[in-house]
N, C-alpha and C. Protein backbone atom coordinates (compact mmCIF):
# COMPACT_ATOMS: atom_id res chain seq x y z
N MET A 1 -1.16 6.49 47.16
CA MET A 1 -2.05 5.45 46.27
C MET A 1 -3.55 5.80 45.91
N VAL A 2 -4.16 7.08 47.36
CA VAL A 2 -5.25 7.28 46.76
C VAL A 2 -5.37 8.22 45.59
N GLY A 3 -4.83 9.00 45.16
CA GLY A 3 -4.08 9.99 43.84
C GLY A 3 -4.27 9.30 42.66
N PHE A 4 -3.76 8.20 42.26
CA PHE A 4 -3.52 6.87 41.44
C PHE A 4 -4.67 6.96 41.23
N ILE A 5 -6.06 6.23 41.93
CA ILE A 5 -6.63 5.60 42.18
C ILE A 5 -7.74 6.69 41.39
N SER A 6 -7.39 8.15 42.23
CA SER A 6 -8.59 9.19 41.63
C SER A 6 -8.59 9.44 40.20
N LEU A 7 -7.09 9.36 39.87
CA LEU A 7 -6.80 10.23 38.73
C LEU A 7 -7.17 8.75 37.57
N TRP A 8 -6.69 7.27 37.84
CA TRP A 8 -7.34 6.73 36.30
C TRP A 8 -9.27 6.30 36.38
N GLY A 9 -9.97 6.84 37.79
CA GLY A 9 -11.22 6.48 38.17
C GLY A 9 -12.02 7.89 37.33
N ARG A 10 -11.18 9.27 37.13
CA ARG A 10 -11.47 10.00 36.33
C ARG A 10 -11.56 9.72 34.87
N LYS A 11 -10.69 9.02 34.53
CA LYS A 11 -9.73 8.84 32.70
C LYS A 11 -10.93 7.92 32.53
N ILE A 12 -11.08 7.04 33.60
CA ILE A 12 -12.41 5.62 33.36
C ILE A 12 -13.35 6.49 32.88
N LYS A 13 -14.35 7.57 33.84
CA LYS A 13 -15.34 8.41 33.70
C LYS A 13 -15.39 9.07 32.47
N SER A 14 -14.08 9.57 31.68
CA SER A 14 -13.92 10.54 30.95
C SER A 14 -14.50 9.70 29.47
N PHE A 15 -13.84 8.15 30.12
CA PHE A 15 -13.93 7.47 28.55
C PHE A 15 -15.33 6.97 28.50
N PHE A 16 -16.43 6.88 29.47
CA PHE A 16 -17.54 6.40 29.19
C PHE A 16 -17.97 7.57 28.72
N ALA A 17 -17.68 8.65 28.65
CA ALA A 17 -18.65 9.84 28.31
C ALA A 17 -18.38 10.09 27.17
N ILE A 18 -17.59 9.15 26.16
CA ILE A 18 -16.84 9.52 24.73
C ILE A 18 -18.35 8.78 24.18
N PRO A 19 -18.90 9.35 23.23
CA PRO A 19 -19.92 8.78 22.22
C PRO A 19 -18.68 7.40 21.84
N ALA A 20 -20.49 6.33 21.75
CA ALA A 20 -19.65 5.04 21.16
C ALA A 20 -18.83 5.03 19.90
N GLY A 21 -19.40 6.08 18.66
CA GLY A 21 -18.73 5.88 17.54
C GLY A 21 -17.72 6.33 17.42
N VAL A 22 -17.21 7.50 18.15
CA VAL A 22 -15.92 8.04 18.43
C VAL A 22 -14.95 7.01 19.22
N LYS A 23 -15.25 6.46 20.23
CA LYS A 23 -14.87 5.05 20.86
C LYS A 23 -14.19 4.27 19.91
N ALA A 24 -15.27 3.92 19.26
CA ALA A 24 -14.83 2.82 18.16
C ALA A 24 -13.47 3.24 16.91
N LEU A 25 -13.51 4.70 17.03
CA LEU A 25 -13.20 5.35 16.15
C LEU A 25 -11.35 5.45 16.67
N LEU A 26 -11.80 5.63 18.39
CA LEU A 26 -10.32 5.85 18.54
C LEU A 26 -9.42 4.62 19.14
N PHE A 27 -10.38 3.23 19.53
CA PHE A 27 -10.04 2.42 19.52
C PHE A 27 -9.12 1.62 18.03
N GLU A 28 -9.52 2.53 16.65
CA GLU A 28 -8.93 1.52 15.20
C GLU A 28 -7.85 2.42 15.52
N ALA A 29 -7.73 3.62 15.40
CA ALA A 29 -6.54 4.75 15.47
C ALA A 29 -5.91 4.03 16.56
N TYR A 30 -5.89 3.65 17.83
CA TYR A 30 -4.77 3.53 18.87
C TYR A 30 -4.04 2.13 18.30
N PHE A 31 -4.90 0.94 17.65
CA PHE A 31 -4.30 -0.63 17.27
C PHE A 31 -3.27 -0.16 15.84
N THR A 32 -4.23 0.81 15.13
CA THR A 32 -3.20 1.13 13.89
C THR A 32 -2.28 1.86 13.88
N ALA A 33 -2.44 2.65 15.19
CA ALA A 33 -0.99 3.69 15.20
C ALA A 33 0.16 2.39 16.09
N LEU A 34 -0.43 1.41 16.94
CA LEU A 34 0.67 0.61 17.40
C LEU A 34 1.26 -0.36 16.06
N TYR A 35 0.34 -0.53 15.06
CA TYR A 35 0.52 -1.44 14.17
C TYR A 35 1.69 -0.79 12.81
N VAL A 36 1.16 0.20 12.92
CA VAL A 36 2.35 1.59 11.83
C VAL A 36 3.46 1.73 12.89
N LYS A 37 3.66 2.12 14.14
CA LYS A 37 4.95 2.34 15.19
C LYS A 37 5.31 0.88 14.80
N LEU A 38 5.08 -0.41 15.18
CA LEU A 38 6.07 -1.31 15.24
C LEU A 38 6.52 -1.41 13.73
N ALA A 39 5.84 -1.28 12.50
CA ALA A 39 6.39 -1.43 10.68
C ALA A 39 7.45 -0.35 10.62
N LEU A 40 7.17 0.78 11.57
CA LEU A 40 8.27 2.14 10.83
C LEU A 40 9.21 1.69 11.65
N LEU A 41 9.41 0.53 12.67
CA LEU A 41 10.50 0.31 13.29
C LEU A 41 11.58 -0.73 12.53
N PHE A 42 10.62 -1.77 12.08
CA PHE A 42 11.22 -2.98 11.51
C PHE A 42 11.18 -3.27 10.32
N PHE A 43 10.46 -2.48 9.40
CA PHE A 43 10.61 -2.53 7.96
C PHE A 43 11.74 -1.48 7.59
N PRO A 44 11.90 -1.32 6.21
CA PRO A 44 12.53 -0.67 5.13
C PRO A 44 11.55 0.23 5.00
N PHE A 45 11.86 1.47 5.10
CA PHE A 45 10.92 2.74 4.40
C PHE A 45 10.17 2.66 3.06
N ALA A 46 11.04 1.61 2.62
CA ALA A 46 10.42 1.51 1.06
C ALA A 46 9.23 0.45 0.96
N ARG A 47 9.16 -0.23 1.92
CA ARG A 47 7.88 -1.26 2.24
C ARG A 47 7.04 -0.26 2.74
N VAL A 48 7.13 0.29 3.77
CA VAL A 48 5.82 1.21 4.03
C VAL A 48 5.73 2.42 3.75
N ALA A 49 6.45 2.98 2.41
CA ALA A 49 6.25 3.81 1.52
C ALA A 49 4.86 3.41 0.34
N LYS A 50 4.79 2.49 0.46
CA LYS A 50 3.54 1.65 -0.12
C LYS A 50 2.24 2.37 -0.26
N TRP A 51 2.09 1.98 1.63
CA TRP A 51 1.34 2.76 2.28
C TRP A 51 0.74 4.17 1.67
N LEU A 52 1.62 4.79 1.74
CA LEU A 52 1.55 6.22 2.08
C LEU A 52 0.74 6.79 0.46
N GLY A 53 0.70 5.82 -0.90
CA GLY A 53 -0.03 6.77 -1.96
C GLY A 53 1.47 7.23 -3.16
N ALA A 54 0.82 7.45 -4.11
CA ALA A 54 1.41 8.14 -5.19
C ALA A 54 2.56 9.31 -4.66
N PRO A 55 3.97 9.49 -4.87
CA PRO A 55 4.72 10.53 -4.32
C PRO A 55 4.39 12.08 -5.25
N GLN A 56 3.21 12.63 -5.13
CA GLN A 56 2.79 13.41 -5.87
C GLN A 56 2.43 14.57 -4.90
N ALA A 57 1.95 16.03 -5.32
CA ALA A 57 0.97 16.53 -4.48
C ALA A 57 -0.10 17.09 -5.72
N ASP A 58 -1.28 16.27 -6.30
CA ASP A 58 -1.84 16.71 -6.53
C ASP A 58 -2.66 17.44 -6.14
N PRO A 59 -3.37 18.65 -6.73
CA PRO A 59 -4.57 19.52 -5.53
C PRO A 59 -5.69 18.28 -5.38
N LEU A 60 -6.54 18.53 -4.05
CA LEU A 60 -7.11 17.33 -4.31
C LEU A 60 -8.78 17.84 -4.49
N ASP A 61 -9.55 17.03 -4.34
CA ASP A 61 -10.88 17.32 -5.14
C ASP A 61 -11.71 18.35 -3.78
N GLU A 62 -12.69 18.84 -3.75
CA GLU A 62 -13.57 19.36 -2.96
C GLU A 62 -14.01 17.89 -2.32
N ILE A 63 -14.32 17.81 -0.91
CA ILE A 63 -14.78 16.72 0.37
C ILE A 63 -15.96 17.42 0.66
N SER A 64 -16.71 16.52 0.43
CA SER A 64 -18.20 17.04 1.05
C SER A 64 -18.22 17.48 2.48
N PRO A 65 -19.23 17.84 3.27
CA PRO A 65 -19.58 18.20 4.38
C PRO A 65 -19.17 16.79 5.38
N LEU A 66 -19.57 15.79 4.47
CA LEU A 66 -19.60 14.45 5.49
C LEU A 66 -18.16 14.90 5.44
N GLY A 67 -17.49 14.54 4.71
CA GLY A 67 -16.21 14.08 4.07
C GLY A 67 -15.32 14.99 5.29
N VAL A 68 -15.69 16.69 5.44
CA VAL A 68 -15.03 17.07 6.51
C VAL A 68 -15.34 16.78 8.16
N ALA A 69 -16.52 16.60 8.67
CA ALA A 69 -16.60 15.69 9.66
C ALA A 69 -16.04 14.60 9.98
N GLN A 70 -16.26 13.75 9.09
CA GLN A 70 -15.36 12.54 9.03
C GLN A 70 -13.97 13.15 9.32
N ALA A 71 -13.21 13.62 9.42
CA ALA A 71 -12.03 13.78 8.76
C ALA A 71 -11.39 15.09 10.37
N LYS A 72 -12.44 15.67 10.53
CA LYS A 72 -12.31 16.09 12.09
C LYS A 72 -12.54 14.96 13.18
N LYS A 73 -13.42 14.12 12.69
CA LYS A 73 -13.49 12.89 13.76
C LYS A 73 -12.72 12.09 13.54
N ILE A 74 -11.66 11.84 12.66
CA ILE A 74 -10.12 11.39 12.63
C ILE A 74 -9.20 12.02 13.63
N MET A 75 -9.50 13.22 13.26
CA MET A 75 -7.95 14.27 14.38
C MET A 75 -8.83 14.01 15.20
N PHE A 76 -9.82 14.53 15.94
CA PHE A 76 -10.23 13.85 16.89
C PHE A 76 -9.25 12.73 17.80
N ALA A 77 -9.91 11.56 16.96
CA ALA A 77 -9.73 10.39 17.39
C ALA A 77 -7.74 10.25 17.86
N LEU A 78 -7.36 10.85 16.47
CA LEU A 78 -5.77 10.78 17.09
C LEU A 78 -5.16 11.74 18.05
N LYS A 79 -5.92 12.46 18.17
CA LYS A 79 -4.93 13.27 19.82
C LYS A 79 -5.79 12.85 20.77
N LEU A 80 -6.40 12.13 20.93
CA LEU A 80 -6.92 11.46 22.26
C LEU A 80 -5.95 9.86 21.45
N CYS A 81 -5.51 9.26 21.28
CA CYS A 81 -4.33 8.26 20.63
C CYS A 81 -3.27 8.97 21.50
N GLU A 82 -2.58 9.63 20.52
CA GLU A 82 -1.72 10.51 20.87
C GLU A 82 -1.42 11.04 22.66
N ARG A 83 -2.81 11.20 22.92
CA ARG A 83 -2.39 11.64 24.38
C ARG A 83 -2.68 10.39 25.41
N TYR A 84 -3.33 9.15 24.69
CA TYR A 84 -3.21 8.57 25.95
C TYR A 84 -2.63 6.83 25.81
N THR A 85 -1.74 6.88 24.84
CA THR A 85 -0.86 5.76 24.09
C THR A 85 0.08 5.96 25.36
N PRO A 86 0.69 4.53 25.78
CA PRO A 86 2.06 4.47 26.73
C PRO A 86 3.16 4.92 25.82
N TRP A 87 3.15 4.31 24.68
CA TRP A 87 4.52 4.73 23.96
C TRP A 87 4.43 6.39 23.36
N HIS A 88 5.51 7.12 22.68
CA HIS A 88 5.41 8.12 22.42
C HIS A 88 5.00 7.84 20.47
N LEU A 89 4.31 8.87 20.44
CA LEU A 89 3.97 8.64 18.74
C LEU A 89 4.38 10.25 18.00
N GLU A 90 5.16 9.46 17.51
CA GLU A 90 5.79 11.09 16.68
C GLU A 90 4.49 11.89 15.63
N CYS A 91 4.70 13.01 15.11
CA CYS A 91 4.45 13.10 13.60
C CYS A 91 4.05 12.54 12.74
N TYR A 92 5.06 11.52 12.14
CA TYR A 92 5.50 11.09 11.25
C TYR A 92 4.84 9.43 11.31
N THR A 93 4.47 9.00 12.69
CA THR A 93 3.30 7.89 12.86
C THR A 93 1.88 8.37 12.81
N LEU A 94 1.84 9.38 13.56
CA LEU A 94 0.50 9.52 13.66
C LEU A 94 -0.36 10.22 12.07
N SER A 95 0.77 11.06 11.22
CA SER A 95 0.21 11.25 9.61
C SER A 95 0.06 10.02 9.07
N VAL A 96 0.83 9.09 9.12
CA VAL A 96 0.88 7.75 8.33
C VAL A 96 -0.47 6.95 8.97
N THR A 97 -0.55 7.39 10.12
CA THR A 97 -1.79 6.48 10.70
C THR A 97 -3.20 6.76 10.56
N GLY A 98 -3.57 8.18 10.14
CA GLY A 98 -4.52 9.16 9.86
C GLY A 98 -4.43 9.12 8.47
N LYS A 99 -3.25 8.57 7.75
CA LYS A 99 -3.44 8.45 6.63
C LYS A 99 -4.23 7.03 5.55
N ILE A 100 -3.94 6.38 6.65
CA ILE A 100 -4.66 4.87 6.47
C ILE A 100 -6.15 4.81 6.88
N LEU A 101 -6.26 5.47 8.00
CA LEU A 101 -7.76 5.95 8.64
C LEU A 101 -8.41 6.45 7.58
N LEU A 102 -7.96 7.56 6.61
CA LEU A 102 -8.83 8.13 5.58
C LEU A 102 -9.28 7.39 4.36
N ASN A 103 -7.79 6.47 3.66
CA ASN A 103 -8.03 5.37 3.45
C ASN A 103 -8.86 4.34 2.83
N ARG A 104 -9.10 4.28 4.41
CA ARG A 104 -9.93 3.14 4.46
C ARG A 104 -11.61 3.95 4.44
N ARG A 105 -11.76 5.06 4.60
CA ARG A 105 -12.66 5.63 4.32
C ARG A 105 -13.13 6.27 3.29
N LYS A 106 -12.55 5.94 2.07
CA LYS A 106 -12.43 6.28 0.79
C LYS A 106 -12.14 8.08 0.19
N GLN A 107 -11.29 8.36 1.59
CA GLN A 107 -11.69 9.75 1.52
C GLN A 107 -10.26 9.85 0.91
N LYS A 108 -9.33 10.86 -0.02
CA LYS A 108 -8.01 11.23 -0.13
C LYS A 108 -7.57 12.22 1.05
N GLY A 109 -6.32 12.43 1.01
CA GLY A 109 -5.47 13.07 1.68
C GLY A 109 -4.05 13.36 1.49
N ILE A 110 -3.34 13.89 1.34
CA ILE A 110 -2.04 14.53 1.13
C ILE A 110 -0.98 14.40 2.18
N LEU A 111 -0.18 13.45 2.18
CA LEU A 111 1.12 13.35 3.14
C LEU A 111 2.22 14.37 2.74
N TYR A 112 2.47 15.36 3.85
CA TYR A 112 3.76 15.83 3.44
C TYR A 112 4.89 15.46 4.23
N PHE A 113 5.82 15.68 3.78
CA PHE A 113 7.17 16.05 4.68
C PHE A 113 7.71 17.22 4.74
N GLY A 114 8.18 17.74 5.80
CA GLY A 114 8.80 19.02 5.41
C GLY A 114 10.31 19.31 6.51
N PHE A 115 11.21 20.09 6.02
CA PHE A 115 12.56 20.08 6.97
C PHE A 115 12.38 21.11 7.42
N LEU A 116 13.19 21.97 8.22
CA LEU A 116 13.52 23.29 9.20
C LEU A 116 14.98 23.45 9.31
N LYS A 117 15.49 23.97 8.53
CA LYS A 117 16.95 24.12 9.20
C LYS A 117 17.05 25.15 10.59
N GLU A 118 17.72 24.98 11.49
CA GLU A 118 17.27 25.49 13.18
C GLU A 118 18.81 26.38 12.72
N PRO A 119 18.67 27.22 13.78
CA PRO A 119 20.44 28.09 13.76
C PRO A 119 21.30 27.66 13.66
N ASN A 120 21.35 26.40 14.58
CA ASN A 120 22.83 25.67 14.49
C ASN A 120 23.03 24.51 13.56
N GLY A 121 22.26 25.21 12.11
CA GLY A 121 22.51 24.49 11.28
C GLY A 121 22.11 22.71 11.09
N LYS A 122 21.54 22.57 11.92
CA LYS A 122 20.39 21.04 11.83
C LYS A 122 19.51 21.40 11.35
N LEU A 123 19.07 19.95 10.48
CA LEU A 123 17.71 19.74 10.12
C LEU A 123 16.68 19.30 10.88
N LYS A 124 15.74 19.81 10.74
CA LYS A 124 14.45 19.55 11.83
C LYS A 124 13.44 18.86 10.71
N GLY A 125 12.82 17.59 10.74
CA GLY A 125 12.22 17.02 9.93
C GLY A 125 10.21 17.28 10.78
N HIS A 126 9.29 17.00 10.21
CA HIS A 126 8.51 17.37 10.70
C HIS A 126 7.09 16.82 9.46
N ALA A 127 6.20 15.58 9.81
CA ALA A 127 5.25 15.68 8.82
C ALA A 127 3.57 15.45 9.57
N TRP A 128 2.99 15.89 8.65
CA TRP A 128 1.63 16.32 8.19
C TRP A 128 0.47 15.86 7.76
N LEU A 129 -0.59 15.91 7.81
CA LEU A 129 -1.78 14.92 6.97
C LEU A 129 -2.85 15.88 6.64
N LYS A 130 -3.26 16.49 5.75
CA LYS A 130 -4.05 17.15 5.19
C LYS A 130 -5.38 16.69 4.17
N THR A 131 -6.19 17.14 4.16
CA THR A 131 -7.46 16.94 3.46
C THR A 131 -8.38 17.85 2.95
N ASN A 132 -7.55 18.85 2.19
CA ASN A 132 -8.77 19.34 1.72
C ASN A 132 -8.45 20.78 2.68
N SER A 133 -9.65 21.22 3.24
CA SER A 133 -8.57 22.66 4.69
C SER A 133 -9.09 22.22 5.96
N VAL A 134 -8.82 20.95 5.73
CA VAL A 134 -8.47 20.20 7.54
C VAL A 134 -7.24 19.67 7.16
N ILE A 135 -6.30 20.07 8.07
CA ILE A 135 -5.14 19.35 8.21
C ILE A 135 -5.50 18.50 9.83
N VAL A 136 -5.55 17.51 9.00
CA VAL A 136 -5.97 16.10 10.55
C VAL A 136 -4.66 16.23 11.39
N THR A 137 -3.18 15.92 11.22
CA THR A 137 -1.97 15.97 12.23
C THR A 137 -1.37 16.85 11.64
N GLY A 138 -0.42 17.32 12.85
CA GLY A 138 1.28 18.44 12.62
C GLY A 138 0.63 19.77 12.26
N GLY A 139 -0.96 19.78 12.54
CA GLY A 139 -0.81 21.48 11.79
C GLY A 139 -0.79 22.66 13.08
N GLU A 140 -0.11 22.42 13.70
CA GLU A 140 0.04 23.29 14.73
C GLU A 140 1.50 23.91 14.60
N VAL A 141 2.27 23.26 13.82
CA VAL A 141 3.73 23.46 13.16
C VAL A 141 4.13 23.88 11.43
N HIS A 142 3.31 23.51 11.12
CA HIS A 142 3.56 22.91 9.74
C HIS A 142 3.92 23.99 9.28
N ALA A 143 3.65 25.23 9.03
CA ALA A 143 4.00 26.87 8.49
C ALA A 143 5.10 27.00 8.58
N ALA A 144 5.96 26.76 9.37
CA ALA A 144 7.24 26.91 9.54
C ALA A 144 8.51 25.69 8.68
N TYR A 145 8.25 25.01 8.28
CA TYR A 145 8.78 23.92 7.38
C TYR A 145 8.46 23.97 6.34
N GLN A 146 9.71 23.62 5.28
CA GLN A 146 9.55 23.92 3.65
C GLN A 146 9.46 22.13 3.73
N VAL A 147 8.42 22.55 2.15
CA VAL A 147 8.02 21.25 2.28
C VAL A 147 9.01 20.37 1.03
N HIS A 148 9.26 19.11 1.31
CA HIS A 148 9.84 18.11 0.88
C HIS A 148 9.53 17.23 -0.74
N SER A 149 8.44 16.52 0.11
CA SER A 149 7.52 15.53 -0.75
C SER A 149 6.30 15.67 -0.05
N ALA A 150 5.37 14.81 -1.09
CA ALA A 150 3.96 14.84 -0.81
C ALA A 150 4.00 13.77 -1.21
N PHE A 151 2.71 13.03 -0.37
CA PHE A 151 2.16 11.63 -1.05
C PHE A 151 0.77 11.94 -1.03
N VAL A 152 -0.14 11.56 -2.66
CA VAL A 152 -1.47 11.40 -2.62
C VAL A 152 -2.03 10.29 -2.30
C-alpha cells in the first residue's frame, strides 16, 4: 500500500512541475484522444475520414519557427497522453488526435497510413503524422512502412 501511495505521490508531484501551458495542452490532448477513440469504435470510417482532410499528399509549405515549436509541444503532450491514459492509444488514434490539434491551431500536417509485410505474410499497419520536418506521432518506426495513403 505504501508503494502505491508513493508512486501516485511522485506522479502528482511531477504533474505539478509541468508548465501551465503544457498542462492545458495535455488536457486538450487527453479529452480529444478520448473523443477520437470513441468515434473510431462507434462510427464508420467514412464519417471519421472527414476529419482527416483531403486524401492526397501535397508538399507542405514551410512552417514558421513558432509553428515548429507548437508542433513539438503537441508531440510532447501526445506522448504524455499516451503514457498516462488508462486505455491503450494506438498510432491511429494518436495521429488523428494530433491532426485535430494541429487543425485547431491553423497548422498543416499530413497524416500517413502505411503497411509492412511481415515475414509470415501478414500485413501490419501504422499511422503517423508529419508537419514539415517534425514527425508529431509514430515517427519511431515509420521508415519501415510503405505509404498507402495520406491526408492533408
